Amino acid sequence: MSRRSPRSNRRASSPAAPARSSRSAPSSSSSSPREFRLPESTTPALPAVEDFAALDMPEGLLKTLAAQGVTTPFPIQAATLPNSLAGRDLLGRGRTGSGKTLAFGLALLARTAGLRAEPKAPLALVLVPTRELAQQVTDALAPYATAVNLRIATVVGGLSITKQAGTLRRGAEVLVATPGRLNDLVERGDCVLGDVRITVLDEADQMTDMGFLPQITKLIQRVRPDGQRMLFSATLDRNIDRLVQRFLTDPVVHSVDPSAGAVTTMEHHVLHVMDETDKKAVTTRIAARDGRVILFLDTKRSADRLAKRLLAVGVRAAALHGGRSQPQRNRTLEQFKNGQVTALVATNVAARGIHVDDLDLVVNVDPPTDHKDYLHRGGRTARAGGSGSVVTLVLPDQKRDVTQLMTHAGIRPRTARITSSDTALATITGAREPSGVPVTIEVPEPAKPAATAGRKSGNRSSRRRSGARGAATTATTRGADNRASGGKTPAAGAAKRGSARRTSAAPAAKGRTAGGKGTSAGRGARRNPAT
């Protein structure tokens, strides 16, 4: 089926949309010295709406909203949708969980409805920083895309690029992608961006923090120069200024202070603990609470160690970090969502892009060093107008740094000095003593990469023997860890040890922890594990 010209869409242009220029409009001061001066639009913005029925959207989208139980637009949706549906460029700031995905997604789908993409040539592009966020955006938009007969493709690192190229060859109107993988596909000739008429940058601040600004720039330069651009983020630091000035034309600006939003919907607690020993005891009791909790730590190795320790005392825990393959990460998230895992032990890879219903507690076992990380970690709870608590454990030598962190985040937390046996800990977090009975959580192994399966036919028998031995043993030395990484993905060596293993703290499973020593350090990884 041939693709209609974009100009045939009744929303393809807006009388209010000026010609694209390379600079933004004059600016006004921002609410934070760390943030750039927000541009002032020279064209008045359309007023906000009170319900979705007042918007000029296809009937299929309105019916799907009702079927999904989405009845009233969140503030960022009410403010931005009238303008994005009219084709205006947008700069939206709102804390995570405030409804940004539907804010750009509904406009993107409405303006693409009725068009058909050629093979390899999507019509709308959503760029996100992490694999998890890419999947969340895809899942959130899928029922709405189906309602207007649009196809969505997702391309991220960590999965087969060949399969992703095949999906693009079959055609997709909407493409959700991480910058690194999309650049690879474009350079291979498997994706052409010249027909992209709507481009969305979601969580743009994190993409620039992760070093993706050059790749983002290359990608946007390939899309239609007269297309619509929307930039959404929970924070707007000065790195974003370059993107705004270069690629947004007279944007409508909708800015909600992310820290203020967090204060009204969350409780923030800073709990001072005496030393590392008591911090471990406090963490264990919190993890054993009745209900789900995300525990954030700084490193992959510490996340694996804590998950192993929690399993040993009866807490259904699993680690999530960049040292895991994408199938492992997907499986762990599914286990957390369905309740098989109740304590998710994570690094910052889980700070964005994860939505779990009824998650009311996030714990910073290791306090973050950046206030944006604090806001995004906390944003895993109190989503979609709900409530929740964020608890940060602080050692004596961390007190000054955490005080500065809270100031930069605009948070005034409740503070307390506690021990693991204090009743206040139970009151704040629901902490309780774990059962003490070791538990087991199954962790799937990634499939062996096809590129290496037949590398040297003379070694096939030795690989088979190695795989058989790996079912009962695991590498426990540092040298074995490095060989397992092999300069590729940290899970590559683990793939040789069988198709699945059981995570347990029982003595018989010594060395075979939730992450496995071969997956925790990730020394061989060269590319950013989040993409």
Protein backbone atom coordinates (compact mmCIF):
# COMPACT_ATOMS: atom_id res chain seq x y z
CA MET A 1 0.00 0.00 0.00
CA SER A 2 1.47 3.34 -0.95
CA ARG A 3 1.97 5.99 1.64
CA ARG A 4 -0.08 9.13 1.46
CA SER A 5 1.68 12.44 1.43
CA PRO A 6 1.97 13.98 4.91
CA ARG A 7 0.33 17.11 3.58
CA SER A 8 -2.87 15.15 2.99
CA ASN A 9 -3.35 14.82 6.74
CA ARG A 10 -5.76 17.47 7.97
CA ARG A 11 -3.48 18.23 10.92
CA ALA A 12 -0.26 18.35 8.93
CA SER A 13 0.16 22.06 9.44
CA SER A 14 -1.07 24.77 11.68
CA PRO A 15 -1.72 28.41 10.80
CA ALA A 16 0.08 29.34 13.98
CA ALA A 17 3.23 27.35 13.23
CA PRO A 18 5.95 29.65 11.86
CA ALA A 19 8.78 28.62 9.55
CA ARG A 20 11.54 26.71 11.30
CA SER A 21 14.52 28.76 12.38
CA SER A 22 17.82 27.82 13.97
CA ARG A 23 17.37 29.89 17.11
CA SER A 24 14.76 30.01 19.83
CA ALA A 25 12.76 33.00 20.87
CA PRO A 26 13.86 35.40 23.58
CA SER A 27 13.95 33.78 26.95
CA SER A 28 12.89 34.38 30.49
CA SER A 29 14.50 33.28 33.69
CA SER A 30 14.12 29.74 34.93
CA SER A 31 13.30 28.57 38.43
CA SER A 32 16.74 27.08 39.06
CA PRO A 33 20.25 28.46 38.50
CA ARG A 34 21.20 25.01 37.18
CA GLU A 35 18.61 25.26 34.41
CA PHE A 36 18.63 27.30 31.24
CA ARG A 37 16.38 30.25 30.56
CA LEU A 38 13.10 28.95 29.17
CA PRO A 39 12.10 30.42 25.79
CA GLU A 40 9.03 32.61 25.51
CA SER A 41 6.72 31.75 22.66
CA THR A 42 5.98 34.57 20.20
CA THR A 43 2.67 32.88 19.25
CA PRO A 44 0.01 32.55 21.95
CA ALA A 45 -0.60 29.00 23.12
CA LEU A 46 -4.01 27.43 22.78
CA PRO A 47 -5.86 27.14 26.11
CA ALA A 48 -5.87 23.95 28.14
CA VAL A 49 -8.82 21.59 27.98
CA GLU A 50 -10.77 19.93 30.76
CA ASP A 51 -11.52 16.60 29.07
CA PHE A 52 -10.30 14.56 26.11
CA ALA A 53 -13.62 14.92 24.28
CA ALA A 54 -12.80 18.59 23.70
CA LEU A 55 -9.75 17.59 21.64
CA ASP A 56 -9.78 17.06 17.90
CA MET A 57 -8.67 13.40 17.98
CA PRO A 58 -9.80 10.31 16.05
CA GLU A 59 -12.76 8.49 17.57
CA GLY A 60 -10.64 5.38 18.02
CA LEU A 61 -8.31 7.18 20.41
CA LEU A 62 -11.19 8.59 22.44
CA LYS A 63 -12.82 5.15 22.75
CA THR A 64 -9.53 3.58 23.80
CA LEU A 65 -8.98 6.24 26.45
CA ALA A 66 -12.37 5.40 27.91
CA ALA A 67 -11.69 1.67 27.72
CA GLN A 68 -8.36 2.16 29.51
CA GLY A 69 -10.09 4.10 32.28
CA VAL A 70 -8.36 7.37 31.36
CA THR A 71 -11.15 9.88 31.85
CA THR A 72 -9.55 13.19 32.80
CA PRO A 73 -6.31 14.57 31.34
CA PHE A 74 -3.42 15.22 33.67
CA PRO A 75 -2.26 18.86 33.75
CA ILE A 76 0.62 18.34 31.30
CA GLN A 77 -1.76 16.58 28.89
CA ALA A 78 -4.48 19.21 29.22
CA ALA A 79 -1.98 22.01 28.56
CA THR A 80 0.07 20.54 25.72
CA LEU A 81 -2.34 18.43 23.66
CA PRO A 82 -4.31 21.32 22.07
CA ASN A 83 -1.02 22.77 20.83
CA SER A 84 0.69 19.55 19.77
CA LEU A 85 -2.42 18.45 17.86
CA ALA A 86 -2.19 21.77 16.02
CA GLY A 87 1.38 20.98 14.96
CA ARG A 88 3.22 23.29 17.34
CA ASP A 89 6.68 22.46 18.68
CA LEU A 90 6.64 21.73 22.41
CA LEU A 91 8.97 21.99 25.37
CA GLY A 92 7.39 20.18 28.31
CA ARG A 93 8.73 19.75 31.80
CA GLY A 94 6.97 17.65 34.37
CA ARG A 95 8.16 15.17 36.94
CA THR A 96 8.28 11.51 36.07
CA GLY A 97 4.90 9.83 36.35
CA SER A 98 3.04 13.04 35.49
CA GLY A 99 1.56 11.71 32.23
CA LYS A 100 4.16 12.82 29.68
CA THR A 101 3.90 9.62 27.60
CA LEU A 102 0.26 10.19 26.66
CA ALA A 103 0.91 13.92 26.39
CA PHE A 104 3.13 13.37 23.36
CA GLY A 105 1.82 9.94 22.37
CA LEU A 106 -1.79 10.91 21.71
CA ALA A 107 -0.74 13.85 19.55
CA LEU A 108 1.78 11.76 17.66
CA LEU A 109 -0.76 9.02 16.93
CA ALA A 110 -3.58 11.42 16.07
CA ARG A 111 -1.42 13.31 13.58
CA THR A 112 -0.09 10.11 12.00
CA ALA A 113 -3.45 8.31 11.76
CA GLY A 114 -4.45 7.54 8.18
CA LEU A 115 -0.87 7.45 6.88
CA ARG A 116 1.11 4.38 5.88
CA ALA A 117 4.87 4.07 6.08
CA GLU A 118 7.11 2.67 3.39
CA PRO A 119 9.50 -0.13 4.39
CA LYS A 120 12.40 1.12 6.55
CA ALA A 121 10.87 4.62 6.65
CA PRO A 122 8.92 5.45 9.84
CA LEU A 123 6.75 8.55 9.99
CA ALA A 124 7.10 9.34 13.71
CA LEU A 125 10.08 8.88 16.02
CA VAL A 126 10.34 8.74 19.82
CA LEU A 127 13.89 8.80 21.20
CA VAL A 128 14.42 7.62 24.78
CA PRO A 129 17.55 7.04 26.88
CA THR A 130 17.07 3.45 28.09
CA ARG A 131 15.75 0.09 26.97
CA GLU A 132 13.28 -0.01 29.86
CA LEU A 133 11.79 3.35 28.97
CA ALA A 134 11.54 2.33 25.31
CA GLN A 135 9.52 -0.73 26.29
CA GLN A 136 7.35 1.28 28.67
CA VAL A 137 6.54 3.85 25.98
CA THR A 138 5.75 1.10 23.49
CA ASP A 139 3.49 -0.74 25.93
CA ALA A 140 1.70 2.47 26.89
CA LEU A 141 1.01 3.50 23.28
CA ALA A 142 0.29 0.07 21.79
CA PRO A 143 -3.50 -0.06 22.44
CA TYR A 144 -3.94 3.46 21.09
CA ALA A 145 -1.87 2.71 17.99
CA THR A 146 -3.96 -0.38 17.32
CA ALA A 147 -7.11 1.72 17.58
CA VAL A 148 -5.98 3.91 14.66
CA ASN A 149 -4.31 1.10 12.67
CA LEU A 150 -0.72 2.22 13.21
CA ARG A 151 2.26 -0.09 13.64
CA ILE A 152 4.89 0.48 16.35
CA ALA A 153 8.45 -0.82 16.19
CA THR A 154 10.95 -0.72 19.05
CA VAL A 155 14.72 -0.78 18.53
CA VAL A 156 17.12 -0.89 21.47
CA GLY A 157 20.53 -2.29 22.24
CA GLY A 158 20.95 -5.69 23.82
CA LEU A 159 18.59 -7.45 21.41
CA SER A 160 19.09 -8.82 17.91
CA ILE A 161 19.77 -6.01 15.46
CA THR A 162 18.96 -8.40 12.60
CA LYS A 163 15.44 -9.00 13.91
CA GLN A 164 14.94 -5.29 14.48
CA ALA A 165 16.06 -4.55 10.92
CA GLY A 166 13.55 -7.13 9.70
CA THR A 167 10.75 -5.40 11.59
CA LEU A 168 11.67 -2.08 9.99
CA ARG A 169 11.74 -3.65 6.53
CA ARG A 170 8.14 -4.79 7.06
CA GLY A 171 7.20 -1.22 7.83
CA ALA A 172 6.17 0.73 10.94
CA GLU A 173 4.62 4.17 11.22
CA VAL A 174 5.91 4.82 14.76
CA LEU A 175 9.44 4.03 15.89
CA VAL A 176 10.51 4.03 19.56
CA ALA A 177 14.29 3.86 19.86
CA THR A 178 17.41 4.43 21.90
CA PRO A 179 19.91 6.67 20.07
CA GLY A 180 22.80 4.21 19.89
CA ARG A 181 20.89 1.36 18.29
CA LEU A 182 18.99 3.64 15.93
CA ASN A 183 22.25 5.19 14.70
CA ASP A 184 23.57 1.69 14.03
CA LEU A 185 20.49 0.82 11.97
CA VAL A 186 20.65 4.07 10.02
CA GLU A 187 24.33 3.57 9.22
CA ARG A 188 23.59 0.00 8.06
CA GLY A 189 20.91 1.28 5.71
CA ASP A 190 18.17 -0.56 7.60
CA CYS A 191 16.33 2.62 8.60
CA VAL A 192 15.70 5.87 6.72
CA LEU A 193 14.51 8.92 8.66
CA GLY A 194 13.70 11.26 5.78
CA ASP A 195 9.94 10.68 6.13
CA VAL A 196 9.81 11.33 9.90
CA ARG A 197 7.41 14.21 10.36
CA ILE A 198 7.05 14.12 14.16
CA THR A 199 10.06 13.71 16.47
CA VAL A 200 9.82 13.33 20.25
CA LEU A 201 12.73 13.46 22.69
CA ASP A 202 11.59 11.85 25.94
CA GLU A 203 13.78 12.28 29.05
CA ALA A 204 16.11 14.42 26.97
CA ASP A 205 18.19 15.46 29.97
CA GLN A 206 19.21 11.89 30.70
CA MET A 207 20.11 11.28 27.07
CA THR A 208 22.48 14.24 27.13
CA ASP A 209 23.86 13.21 30.53
CA MET A 210 24.64 9.79 29.05
CA GLY A 211 26.62 11.38 26.21
CA PHE A 212 24.05 10.93 23.46
CA LEU A 213 23.92 14.57 22.34
CA PRO A 214 26.07 13.99 19.20
CA GLN A 215 23.99 10.98 18.20
CA ILE A 216 20.71 12.78 18.87
CA THR A 217 21.92 15.69 16.73
CA LYS A 218 22.83 13.38 13.85
CA LEU A 219 19.44 11.69 14.01
CA ILE A 220 17.38 14.88 14.12
CA GLN A 221 19.35 16.27 11.17
CA ARG A 222 18.07 13.30 9.13
CA VAL A 223 14.34 13.84 9.78
CA ARG A 224 12.15 16.18 7.78
CA PRO A 225 13.34 19.75 8.37
CA ASP A 226 9.76 21.05 8.39
CA GLY A 227 8.55 18.42 10.87
CA GLN A 228 7.17 18.87 14.35
CA ARG A 229 9.50 18.42 17.34
CA MET A 230 8.50 17.80 20.95
CA LEU A 231 10.91 17.66 23.87
CA PHE A 232 9.71 16.30 27.21
CA SER A 233 11.74 15.88 30.35
CA ALA A 234 11.47 15.86 34.11
CA THR A 235 14.35 18.34 34.39
CA LEU A 236 15.73 20.91 31.98
CA ASP A 237 19.41 21.55 32.54
CA ARG A 238 21.73 23.59 30.39
CA ASN A 239 22.62 20.68 28.11
CA ILE A 240 19.06 20.76 26.82
CA ASP A 241 19.45 24.41 25.81
CA ARG A 242 21.49 23.39 22.76
CA LEU A 243 18.74 21.09 21.53
CA VAL A 244 16.02 23.67 22.16
CA GLN A 245 17.86 26.47 20.37
CA ARG A 246 18.79 24.33 17.39
CA PHE A 247 15.73 22.20 16.78
CA LEU A 248 12.62 23.79 18.31
CA THR A 249 10.85 26.66 16.60
CA ASP A 250 8.73 29.02 18.69
CA PRO A 251 7.84 26.20 21.08
CA VAL A 252 4.93 26.17 23.45
CA VAL A 253 6.47 25.85 26.90
CA HIS A 254 4.73 23.98 29.70
CA SER A 255 6.84 23.77 32.84
CA VAL A 256 5.89 22.27 36.17
CA ASP A 257 8.55 22.32 38.88
CA PRO A 258 9.42 18.63 39.23
CA SER A 259 10.57 18.88 42.83
CA ALA A 260 7.43 20.76 43.88
CA GLY A 261 5.30 18.07 42.25
CA ALA A 262 7.20 15.41 44.16
CA VAL A 263 6.70 17.17 47.50
CA THR A 264 2.92 17.25 47.18
CA THR A 265 2.55 13.58 46.28
CA MET A 266 5.36 11.93 48.25
CA GLU A 267 6.78 11.76 51.71
CA HIS A 268 10.55 12.17 51.86
CA HIS A 269 12.51 10.70 54.75
CA VAL A 270 16.22 10.87 55.55
CA LEU A 271 17.14 8.18 58.07
CA HIS A 272 20.53 8.52 59.76
CA VAL A 273 22.12 5.17 60.64
CA MET A 274 25.14 4.59 62.87
CA ASP A 275 27.39 2.48 60.65
CA GLU A 276 27.51 0.00 57.77
CA THR A 277 26.51 -2.92 60.00
CA ASP A 278 23.32 -1.27 61.18
CA LYS A 279 22.65 0.01 57.65
CA LYS A 280 22.63 -3.61 56.43
CA ALA A 281 20.22 -4.60 59.20
CA VAL A 282 17.93 -1.64 58.43
CA THR A 283 17.96 -2.46 54.72
CA THR A 284 17.11 -6.11 55.36
CA ARG A 285 14.15 -5.28 57.58
CA ILE A 286 12.79 -2.76 55.06
CA ALA A 287 13.16 -5.26 52.23
CA ALA A 288 11.16 -7.82 54.25
CA ARG A 289 8.13 -5.50 54.46
CA ASP A 290 4.70 -6.59 53.33
CA GLY A 291 4.60 -5.07 49.87
CA ARG A 292 6.94 -4.22 47.02
CA VAL A 293 9.95 -1.97 47.33
CA ILE A 294 12.77 -0.78 45.08
CA LEU A 295 16.17 -0.55 46.76
CA PHE A 296 18.69 1.62 44.87
CA LEU A 297 22.44 1.07 45.13
CA ASP A 298 25.39 2.59 43.31
CA THR A 299 27.04 -0.44 41.70
CA LYS A 300 26.14 -3.69 39.98
CA ARG A 301 28.32 -5.70 42.37
CA SER A 302 26.68 -4.24 45.48
CA ALA A 303 23.22 -4.86 43.99
CA ASP A 304 24.07 -8.52 43.37
CA ARG A 305 25.48 -8.92 46.88
CA LEU A 306 22.43 -7.40 48.53
CA ALA A 307 20.04 -9.53 46.47
CA LYS A 308 21.97 -12.67 47.49
CA ARG A 309 21.90 -11.63 51.16
CA LEU A 310 18.16 -10.97 51.06
CA LEU A 311 17.43 -14.31 49.44
CA ALA A 312 19.37 -16.00 52.24
CA VAL A 313 17.04 -14.59 54.90
CA GLY A 314 13.78 -15.23 53.07
CA VAL A 315 13.17 -12.04 51.08
CA ARG A 316 12.09 -12.60 47.49
CA ALA A 317 14.68 -10.32 45.93
CA ALA A 318 16.27 -9.92 42.51
CA ALA A 319 18.91 -7.58 41.10
CA LEU A 320 18.42 -5.33 38.08
CA HIS A 321 21.38 -3.57 36.50
CA GLY A 322 23.25 -2.95 33.25
CA GLY A 323 25.27 -6.14 33.65
CA ARG A 324 22.21 -8.22 32.82
CA SER A 325 21.10 -9.12 29.32
CA GLN A 326 17.91 -7.52 28.09
CA PRO A 327 15.89 -10.77 28.34
CA GLN A 328 17.07 -11.14 31.95
CA ARG A 329 16.10 -7.56 32.75
CA ASN A 330 12.68 -7.99 31.14
CA ARG A 331 12.08 -11.20 33.07
CA THR A 332 13.13 -9.64 36.39
CA LEU A 333 10.80 -6.70 35.84
CA GLU A 334 7.93 -9.03 35.03
CA GLN A 335 8.63 -11.00 38.21
CA PHE A 336 8.56 -7.75 40.19
CA LYS A 337 5.31 -6.63 38.60
CA ASN A 338 3.53 -9.94 39.17
CA GLY A 339 4.71 -10.24 42.79
CA GLN A 340 7.09 -13.16 42.39
CA VAL A 341 9.80 -10.71 43.41
CA THR A 342 8.95 -8.23 46.16
CA ALA A 343 12.29 -6.44 46.61
CA LEU A 344 13.90 -5.11 43.44
CA VAL A 345 17.57 -4.31 44.08
CA ALA A 346 18.62 -1.91 41.35
CA THR A 347 21.17 0.55 40.08
CA ASN A 348 20.22 3.76 38.27
CA VAL A 349 19.23 1.68 35.24
CA ALA A 350 15.86 1.40 37.00
CA ALA A 351 15.59 5.10 37.87
CA ARG A 352 13.59 5.85 34.71
CA GLY A 353 11.37 3.88 32.42
CA ILE A 354 9.85 1.57 35.03
CA HIS A 355 6.18 1.78 35.93
CA VAL A 356 4.78 -0.58 38.56
CA ASP A 357 1.26 -0.14 39.88
CA ASP A 358 0.83 0.35 43.63
CA LEU A 359 4.52 0.78 44.39
CA ASP A 360 4.53 2.93 47.51
CA LEU A 361 8.15 2.83 48.68
CA VAL A 362 11.55 3.59 47.18
CA VAL A 363 14.71 3.32 49.29
CA ASN A 364 18.05 4.94 48.49
CA VAL A 365 20.32 2.46 50.22
CA ASP A 366 23.16 4.40 48.61
CA PRO A 367 22.21 8.09 48.31
CA PRO A 368 22.56 9.39 44.74
CA THR A 369 25.13 12.09 44.02
CA ASP A 370 22.94 14.07 41.62
CA HIS A 371 19.63 15.68 42.53
CA LYS A 372 18.10 14.62 39.21
CA ASP A 373 18.83 10.99 40.02
CA TYR A 374 17.10 11.49 43.37
CA LEU A 375 13.97 12.85 41.69
CA HIS A 376 13.87 10.10 39.10
CA ARG A 377 14.48 7.31 41.59
CA GLY A 378 11.68 8.67 43.74
CA GLY A 379 9.50 8.96 40.65
CA ARG A 380 9.08 5.17 40.58
CA THR A 381 6.50 5.68 43.34
CA ALA A 382 3.61 8.15 43.58
CA ARG A 383 2.94 7.76 39.86
CA ALA A 384 -0.12 9.05 38.06
CA GLY A 385 -1.22 11.16 41.01
CA GLY A 386 -0.74 8.42 43.59
CA SER A 387 1.14 8.66 46.86
CA GLY A 388 4.31 7.08 48.14
CA SER A 389 7.43 7.47 50.24
CA VAL A 390 11.10 7.92 49.42
CA VAL A 391 13.56 6.90 52.13
CA THR A 392 17.29 7.68 52.03
CA LEU A 393 19.71 5.94 54.37
CA VAL A 394 22.58 8.17 55.45
CA LEU A 395 25.85 7.30 57.18
CA PRO A 396 27.57 9.92 59.35
CA ASP A 397 30.12 10.85 56.69
CA GLN A 398 27.35 11.34 54.09
CA LYS A 399 25.30 13.84 56.05
CA ARG A 400 26.69 16.99 54.42
CA ASP A 401 26.44 15.67 50.87
CA VAL A 402 22.86 14.50 51.35
CA THR A 403 21.87 17.86 52.82
CA GLN A 404 23.18 19.58 49.68
CA LEU A 405 21.45 17.00 47.50
CA MET A 406 18.09 17.72 49.08
CA THR A 407 18.60 21.45 48.71
CA HIS A 408 19.33 21.13 44.99
CA ALA A 409 16.32 18.84 44.56
CA GLY A 410 14.08 21.33 46.36
CA ILE A 411 13.14 18.72 48.96
CA ARG A 412 12.62 19.27 52.68
CA PRO A 413 12.66 15.75 54.06
CA ARG A 414 11.66 14.50 57.47
CA THR A 415 14.77 13.34 59.28
CA ALA A 416 15.30 10.82 62.05
CA ARG A 417 18.13 8.92 63.66
CA ILE A 418 17.20 5.25 63.77
CA THR A 419 18.47 1.76 64.40
CA SER A 420 17.18 -1.49 62.94
CA SER A 421 15.17 -2.22 66.09
CA ASP A 422 13.40 1.17 66.35
CA THR A 423 9.64 1.17 66.03
CA ALA A 424 9.94 4.37 63.97
CA LEU A 425 11.53 2.34 61.19
CA ALA A 426 8.47 0.09 61.01
CA THR A 427 6.14 3.09 61.15
CA ILE A 428 7.86 4.86 58.25
CA THR A 429 8.64 1.90 55.99
CA GLY A 430 6.65 -1.10 57.21
CA ALA A 431 9.93 -2.82 58.10
CA ARG A 432 9.76 -6.20 59.79
CA GLU A 433 11.93 -9.22 60.52
CA PRO A 434 12.44 -11.56 57.55
CA SER A 435 11.41 -15.19 57.81
CA GLY A 436 14.98 -16.49 57.79
CA VAL A 437 14.06 -19.31 55.38
CA PRO A 438 16.13 -19.08 52.16
CA VAL A 439 14.15 -18.63 48.97
CA THR A 440 14.89 -19.25 45.30
CA ILE A 441 14.13 -17.04 42.32
CA GLU A 442 14.74 -18.43 38.83
CA VAL A 443 16.83 -16.20 36.60
CA PRO A 444 16.77 -16.95 32.86
CA GLU A 445 20.02 -17.05 30.93
CA PRO A 446 20.35 -15.20 27.61
CA ALA A 447 20.57 -17.27 24.44
CA LYS A 448 24.03 -17.74 22.98
CA PRO A 449 24.69 -15.07 20.31
CA ALA A 450 24.29 -16.51 16.82
CA ALA A 451 27.49 -14.80 15.66
CA THR A 452 29.58 -16.92 18.02
CA ALA A 453 27.68 -20.19 17.81
CA GLY A 454 29.78 -21.57 14.96
CA ARG A 455 32.89 -19.47 15.26
CA LYS A 456 35.34 -22.39 15.15
CA SER A 457 33.83 -25.70 14.26
CA GLY A 458 36.80 -27.51 15.76
CA ASN A 459 35.83 -26.17 19.20
CA ARG A 460 32.19 -27.32 19.17
CA SER A 461 32.78 -30.41 21.25
CA SER A 462 34.76 -28.48 23.85
CA ARG A 463 32.02 -25.85 24.04
CA ARG A 464 29.44 -28.56 24.60
CA ARG A 465 31.55 -30.05 27.37
CA SER A 466 32.04 -26.59 28.87
CA GLY A 467 28.29 -25.97 28.78
CA ALA A 468 27.61 -29.25 30.56
CA ARG A 469 30.09 -28.46 33.29
CA GLY A 470 28.63 -24.97 33.62
CA ALA A 471 25.28 -26.43 34.67
CA ALA A 472 26.83 -27.50 37.95
CA THR A 473 29.66 -25.02 38.45
CA THR A 474 30.41 -21.34 38.08
CA ALA A 475 33.49 -19.20 37.70
CA THR A 476 34.50 -17.78 41.07
CA THR A 477 37.82 -16.06 40.40
CA ARG A 478 38.40 -12.59 39.09
CA GLY A 479 40.15 -13.97 36.03
CA ALA A 480 37.09 -16.07 35.26
CA ASP A 481 34.94 -12.96 35.56
CA ASN A 482 37.05 -11.18 32.96
CA ARG A 483 36.97 -14.14 30.62
CA ALA A 484 33.19 -14.32 31.00
CA SER A 485 32.90 -10.68 29.96
CA GLY A 486 35.27 -11.18 27.05
CA GLY A 487 35.17 -7.52 26.08
CA LYS A 488 31.53 -7.91 25.04
CA THR A 489 28.38 -8.03 27.11
CA PRO A 490 28.94 -9.09 30.74
CA ALA A 491 26.37 -11.85 30.33
CA ALA A 492 28.16 -13.47 27.37
CA GLY A 493 30.14 -15.82 29.56
CA ALA A 494 27.10 -16.64 31.64
CA ALA A 495 25.32 -17.79 28.46
CA LYS A 496 27.72 -20.75 28.28
CA ARG A 497 26.59 -22.05 31.63
CA GLY A 498 23.19 -23.39 30.55
CA SER A 499 19.86 -22.01 29.45
CA ALA A 500 18.62 -21.25 32.95
CA ARG A 501 19.82 -21.25 36.53
CA ARG A 502 18.24 -20.88 39.91
CA THR A 503 19.10 -18.00 42.15
CA SER A 504 19.36 -19.03 45.78
CA ALA A 505 21.38 -18.39 48.87
CA ALA A 506 21.40 -22.08 49.83
CA PRO A 507 24.89 -23.59 50.22
CA ALA A 508 24.43 -25.93 47.26
CA ALA A 509 24.12 -22.90 44.99
CA LYS A 510 27.23 -21.14 46.24
CA GLY A 511 28.49 -18.65 43.69
CA ARG A 512 25.31 -18.80 41.63
CA THR A 513 23.66 -15.62 42.86
CA ALA A 514 21.01 -13.39 41.34
CA GLY A 515 23.61 -11.72 39.19
CA GLY A 516 26.41 -14.26 39.30
CA LYS A 517 29.97 -13.04 39.70
CA GLY A 518 30.40 -13.23 35.97
CA THR A 519 27.65 -10.65 35.48
CA SER A 520 28.11 -8.21 38.32
CA ALA A 521 31.23 -6.31 37.44
CA GLY A 522 30.69 -5.90 33.73
CA ARG A 523 34.38 -5.13 33.20
CA GLY A 524 34.29 -6.08 29.55
CA ALA A 525 31.39 -3.85 28.58
CA ARG A 526 32.44 -1.05 26.29
CA ARG A 527 29.11 0.49 25.34
CA ASN A 528 26.71 2.16 27.69
CA PRO A 529 24.73 -0.70 29.27
CA ALA A 530 21.57 1.35 29.44
CA THR A 531 21.11 1.34 25.66
